[in-house]
Every structure is written in C-alpha cells, then in structure tokens.
Amino acid sequence: MMIDKITEYTVFESPDGGETVYARMPGSTERIKISESDKVKTLREELNDNQLWCNIRNEAKTNTALREAMDRVILLYHLAKSQDNGNN
C-alpha cells in the first residue's frame, strides 16, 4: 500500500488534548489548523464577543452617541432582569 506523501511527511499536533488539531511539516514552525471542536469554537466566539464589548465600552468614553446607546442597552438589560426576577 502506498502512503500519501502529504500524510507521510505531515506532523499532526494538538496542544489541547484533541480539541484543536494542527498540521505542519517536520522542522517547520508554520502550522495549519485542521479541525476545532464545537467547545473550542464556542469559547472562541465568547472571547470575541467579550473583546467586542470591551472595545465598545472604551469607545463610548469619548463617543457621546455610543455612550447614550449603551445607557439604553443597560436600562433594557436591568428592566429585563427585573421582569425575570418578578416571574420567579
């Protein structure tokens, strides 16, 4: 049976116990992501969302329109939470 040359010379690595798998050529530090578990995808999306909200909060310090919009979002959040607590 002939071994595919790409497979024969490719190193597969997973720094997180199989959640994410990378491939690279021996001796190279450049790697390509081959697969990512749903758990890792969800975590990455949550981290991206958190970074976005951090950026929005920082920008709102100097952007009046953004600050006013954030104030409305915060008000809506508190109103929704108080309704949720009233239903329990």
N, C-alpha and C. Protein backbone atom coordinates (compact mmCIF):
# COMPACT_ATOMS: atom_id res chain seq x y z
N MET A 1 0.85 -1.18 0.00
CA MET A 1 0.00 0.00 0.00
C MET A 1 0.89 1.24 0.00
N MET A 2 0.59 2.19 -0.86
CA MET A 2 1.38 3.40 -0.96
C MET A 2 0.84 4.46 0.01
N ILE A 3 1.72 5.09 0.76
CA ILE A 3 1.33 6.12 1.71
C ILE A 3 1.34 7.45 0.99
N ASP A 4 0.28 8.23 1.18
CA ASP A 4 0.19 9.55 0.59
C ASP A 4 1.35 10.40 1.10
N LYS A 5 2.05 11.09 0.21
CA LYS A 5 3.24 11.86 0.61
C LYS A 5 2.90 12.96 1.61
N ILE A 6 1.74 13.59 1.48
CA ILE A 6 1.37 14.63 2.44
C ILE A 6 1.23 14.02 3.83
N THR A 7 0.53 12.91 3.94
CA THR A 7 0.36 12.25 5.23
C THR A 7 1.68 11.73 5.75
N GLU A 8 2.49 11.20 4.86
CA GLU A 8 3.76 10.60 5.26
C GLU A 8 4.68 11.62 5.93
N TYR A 9 4.66 12.85 5.46
CA TYR A 9 5.59 13.86 5.96
C TYR A 9 4.92 14.96 6.78
N THR A 10 3.70 14.78 7.15
CA THR A 10 3.00 15.80 7.92
C THR A 10 2.98 15.42 9.40
N VAL A 11 3.25 16.41 10.26
CA VAL A 11 3.17 16.21 11.71
C VAL A 11 1.84 16.80 12.17
N PHE A 12 1.07 16.02 12.89
CA PHE A 12 -0.20 16.49 13.44
C PHE A 12 0.00 16.73 14.93
N GLU A 13 -0.48 17.90 15.40
CA GLU A 13 -0.30 18.28 16.80
C GLU A 13 -1.62 18.79 17.38
N SER A 14 -1.77 18.57 18.67
CA SER A 14 -2.92 19.10 19.37
C SER A 14 -2.47 19.58 20.75
N PRO A 15 -2.37 20.90 20.93
CA PRO A 15 -1.91 21.42 22.22
C PRO A 15 -2.95 21.34 23.33
N ASP A 16 -4.19 20.99 22.97
CA ASP A 16 -5.27 20.98 23.96
C ASP A 16 -5.99 19.64 24.04
N GLY A 17 -5.25 18.59 23.89
CA GLY A 17 -5.81 17.25 24.07
C GLY A 17 -6.82 16.82 23.03
N GLY A 18 -6.68 17.30 21.81
CA GLY A 18 -7.56 16.88 20.73
C GLY A 18 -8.68 17.84 20.41
N GLU A 19 -8.83 18.91 21.19
CA GLU A 19 -9.88 19.89 20.91
C GLU A 19 -9.59 20.65 19.62
N THR A 20 -8.31 20.94 19.38
CA THR A 20 -7.87 21.62 18.17
C THR A 20 -6.70 20.83 17.60
N VAL A 21 -6.73 20.59 16.28
CA VAL A 21 -5.66 19.82 15.64
C VAL A 21 -5.01 20.67 14.56
N TYR A 22 -3.68 20.70 14.59
CA TYR A 22 -2.88 21.44 13.61
C TYR A 22 -2.01 20.47 12.84
N ALA A 23 -1.63 20.86 11.63
CA ALA A 23 -0.69 20.08 10.81
C ALA A 23 0.47 20.99 10.43
N ARG A 24 1.67 20.41 10.39
CA ARG A 24 2.84 21.15 9.96
C ARG A 24 3.84 20.18 9.35
N MET A 25 4.75 20.72 8.59
CA MET A 25 5.81 19.91 8.01
C MET A 25 6.92 19.78 9.05
N PRO A 26 7.60 18.63 9.11
CA PRO A 26 8.69 18.46 10.07
C PRO A 26 9.74 19.57 9.90
N GLY A 27 10.18 20.13 11.02
CA GLY A 27 11.19 21.18 11.01
C GLY A 27 10.63 22.58 10.83
N SER A 28 9.36 22.69 10.51
CA SER A 28 8.72 23.99 10.30
C SER A 28 7.96 24.40 11.56
N THR A 29 7.87 25.69 11.78
CA THR A 29 7.04 26.19 12.88
C THR A 29 5.70 26.69 12.36
N GLU A 30 5.55 26.79 11.04
CA GLU A 30 4.29 27.22 10.43
C GLU A 30 3.31 26.06 10.45
N ARG A 31 2.14 26.29 11.00
CA ARG A 31 1.15 25.22 11.07
C ARG A 31 -0.20 25.70 10.57
N ILE A 32 -1.02 24.73 10.19
CA ILE A 32 -2.35 24.99 9.66
C ILE A 32 -3.36 24.29 10.55
N LYS A 33 -4.42 25.03 10.92
CA LYS A 33 -5.47 24.42 11.73
C LYS A 33 -6.27 23.47 10.86
N ILE A 34 -6.38 22.22 11.30
CA ILE A 34 -7.10 21.19 10.57
C ILE A 34 -8.53 21.05 11.08
N SER A 35 -8.69 21.06 12.41
CA SER A 35 -10.03 20.92 12.97
C SER A 35 -10.10 21.60 14.34
N GLU A 36 -11.33 21.89 14.73
CA GLU A 36 -11.59 22.55 16.00
C GLU A 36 -12.92 22.03 16.53
N SER A 37 -12.94 21.65 17.81
CA SER A 37 -14.17 21.11 18.39
C SER A 37 -15.21 22.21 18.57
N ASP A 38 -16.46 21.81 18.72
CA ASP A 38 -17.53 22.78 18.97
C ASP A 38 -17.27 23.55 20.27
N LYS A 39 -16.72 22.87 21.25
CA LYS A 39 -16.39 23.51 22.53
C LYS A 39 -15.42 24.66 22.32
N VAL A 40 -14.37 24.44 21.54
CA VAL A 40 -13.37 25.48 21.28
C VAL A 40 -13.98 26.59 20.44
N LYS A 41 -14.81 26.25 19.46
CA LYS A 41 -15.46 27.28 18.63
C LYS A 41 -16.33 28.18 19.50
N THR A 42 -17.10 27.59 20.40
CA THR A 42 -17.97 28.36 21.28
C THR A 42 -17.15 29.27 22.18
N LEU A 43 -16.08 28.75 22.74
CA LEU A 43 -15.21 29.54 23.60
C LEU A 43 -14.59 30.70 22.83
N ARG A 44 -14.12 30.44 21.61
CA ARG A 44 -13.53 31.49 20.78
C ARG A 44 -14.55 32.57 20.47
N GLU A 45 -15.79 32.18 20.15
CA GLU A 45 -16.84 33.14 19.86
C GLU A 45 -17.16 34.00 21.09
N GLU A 46 -17.20 33.37 22.27
CA GLU A 46 -17.45 34.11 23.51
C GLU A 46 -16.32 35.11 23.78
N LEU A 47 -15.08 34.69 23.57
CA LEU A 47 -13.95 35.59 23.76
C LEU A 47 -14.01 36.76 22.79
N ASN A 48 -14.37 36.49 21.54
CA ASN A 48 -14.51 37.56 20.55
C ASN A 48 -15.61 38.53 20.93
N ASP A 49 -16.75 38.01 21.43
CA ASP A 49 -17.85 38.87 21.88
C ASP A 49 -17.41 39.73 23.06
N ASN A 50 -16.70 39.13 24.01
CA ASN A 50 -16.22 39.89 25.17
C ASN A 50 -15.27 41.00 24.73
N GLN A 51 -14.40 40.70 23.79
CA GLN A 51 -13.47 41.72 23.29
C GLN A 51 -14.22 42.84 22.59
N LEU A 52 -15.25 42.48 21.83
CA LEU A 52 -16.06 43.49 21.15
C LEU A 52 -16.71 44.43 22.17
N TRP A 53 -17.34 43.86 23.22
CA TRP A 53 -17.98 44.70 24.23
C TRP A 53 -16.98 45.56 24.98
N CYS A 54 -15.79 45.04 25.20
CA CYS A 54 -14.72 45.84 25.82
C CYS A 54 -14.37 47.02 24.92
N ASN A 55 -14.23 46.77 23.64
CA ASN A 55 -13.92 47.83 22.69
C ASN A 55 -15.04 48.87 22.64
N ILE A 56 -16.28 48.40 22.68
CA ILE A 56 -17.43 49.32 22.66
C ILE A 56 -17.42 50.20 23.91
N ARG A 57 -17.19 49.60 25.08
CA ARG A 57 -17.14 50.38 26.32
C ARG A 57 -16.03 51.43 26.26
N ASN A 58 -14.88 51.04 25.76
CA ASN A 58 -13.77 52.00 25.67
C ASN A 58 -14.09 53.13 24.70
N GLU A 59 -14.67 52.81 23.58
CA GLU A 59 -15.02 53.84 22.59
C GLU A 59 -16.11 54.76 23.13
N ALA A 60 -17.02 54.23 23.93
CA ALA A 60 -18.12 55.02 24.48
C ALA A 60 -17.63 56.10 25.44
N LYS A 61 -16.41 55.98 25.91
CA LYS A 61 -15.85 57.01 26.80
C LYS A 61 -15.70 58.34 26.08
N THR A 62 -15.50 58.31 24.78
CA THR A 62 -15.29 59.53 24.01
C THR A 62 -16.34 59.75 22.92
N ASN A 63 -17.27 58.82 22.76
CA ASN A 63 -18.29 58.92 21.70
C ASN A 63 -19.65 59.04 22.37
N THR A 64 -20.21 60.23 22.34
CA THR A 64 -21.47 60.51 23.04
C THR A 64 -22.62 59.64 22.53
N ALA A 65 -22.76 59.50 21.22
CA ALA A 65 -23.85 58.70 20.66
C ALA A 65 -23.74 57.25 21.12
N LEU A 66 -22.54 56.73 21.12
CA LEU A 66 -22.33 55.35 21.56
C LEU A 66 -22.62 55.21 23.05
N ARG A 67 -22.21 56.19 23.85
CA ARG A 67 -22.47 56.16 25.29
C ARG A 67 -23.97 56.16 25.55
N GLU A 68 -24.71 56.99 24.82
CA GLU A 68 -26.17 57.04 25.00
C GLU A 68 -26.81 55.71 24.61
N ALA A 69 -26.34 55.12 23.54
CA ALA A 69 -26.86 53.81 23.12
C ALA A 69 -26.56 52.75 24.18
N MET A 70 -25.36 52.79 24.73
CA MET A 70 -25.01 51.83 25.79
C MET A 70 -25.88 52.03 27.02
N ASP A 71 -26.16 53.28 27.36
CA ASP A 71 -27.04 53.56 28.50
C ASP A 71 -28.41 52.94 28.29
N ARG A 72 -28.92 53.03 27.04
CA ARG A 72 -30.23 52.43 26.73
C ARG A 72 -30.16 50.90 26.83
N VAL A 73 -29.08 50.32 26.35
CA VAL A 73 -28.91 48.86 26.44
C VAL A 73 -28.86 48.43 27.90
N ILE A 74 -28.14 49.17 28.72
CA ILE A 74 -28.03 48.85 30.15
C ILE A 74 -29.40 48.94 30.81
N LEU A 75 -30.16 49.98 30.47
CA LEU A 75 -31.51 50.13 31.02
C LEU A 75 -32.39 48.95 30.61
N LEU A 76 -32.36 48.59 29.33
CA LEU A 76 -33.14 47.44 28.86
C LEU A 76 -32.73 46.16 29.58
N TYR A 77 -31.45 45.98 29.78
CA TYR A 77 -30.95 44.80 30.50
C TYR A 77 -31.53 44.74 31.91
N HIS A 78 -31.46 45.86 32.63
CA HIS A 78 -31.98 45.87 34.01
C HIS A 78 -33.49 45.67 34.04
N LEU A 79 -34.20 46.24 33.09
CA LEU A 79 -35.65 46.03 33.03
C LEU A 79 -35.98 44.55 32.77
N ALA A 80 -35.25 43.95 31.84
CA ALA A 80 -35.48 42.53 31.54
C ALA A 80 -35.17 41.65 32.74
N LYS A 81 -34.08 41.96 33.44
CA LYS A 81 -33.70 41.17 34.63
C LYS A 81 -34.74 41.32 35.72
N SER A 82 -35.27 42.52 35.91
CA SER A 82 -36.27 42.73 36.97
C SER A 82 -37.56 41.99 36.61
N GLN A 83 -37.92 41.93 35.32
CA GLN A 83 -39.09 41.16 34.91
C GLN A 83 -38.87 39.67 35.13
N ASP A 84 -37.67 39.20 34.81
CA ASP A 84 -37.34 37.77 35.02
C ASP A 84 -37.43 37.43 36.50
N ASN A 85 -36.93 38.29 37.36
CA ASN A 85 -36.97 38.04 38.80
C ASN A 85 -38.38 38.10 39.34
N GLY A 86 -39.24 38.91 38.71
CA GLY A 86 -40.63 39.00 39.13
C GLY A 86 -41.45 37.78 38.74
N ASN A 87 -41.01 37.05 37.72
CA ASN A 87 -41.72 35.86 37.26
C ASN A 87 -41.33 34.62 38.04
N ASN A 88 -40.32 34.69 38.86
CA ASN A 88 -39.86 33.51 39.63
C ASN A 88 -40.51 33.41 40.97
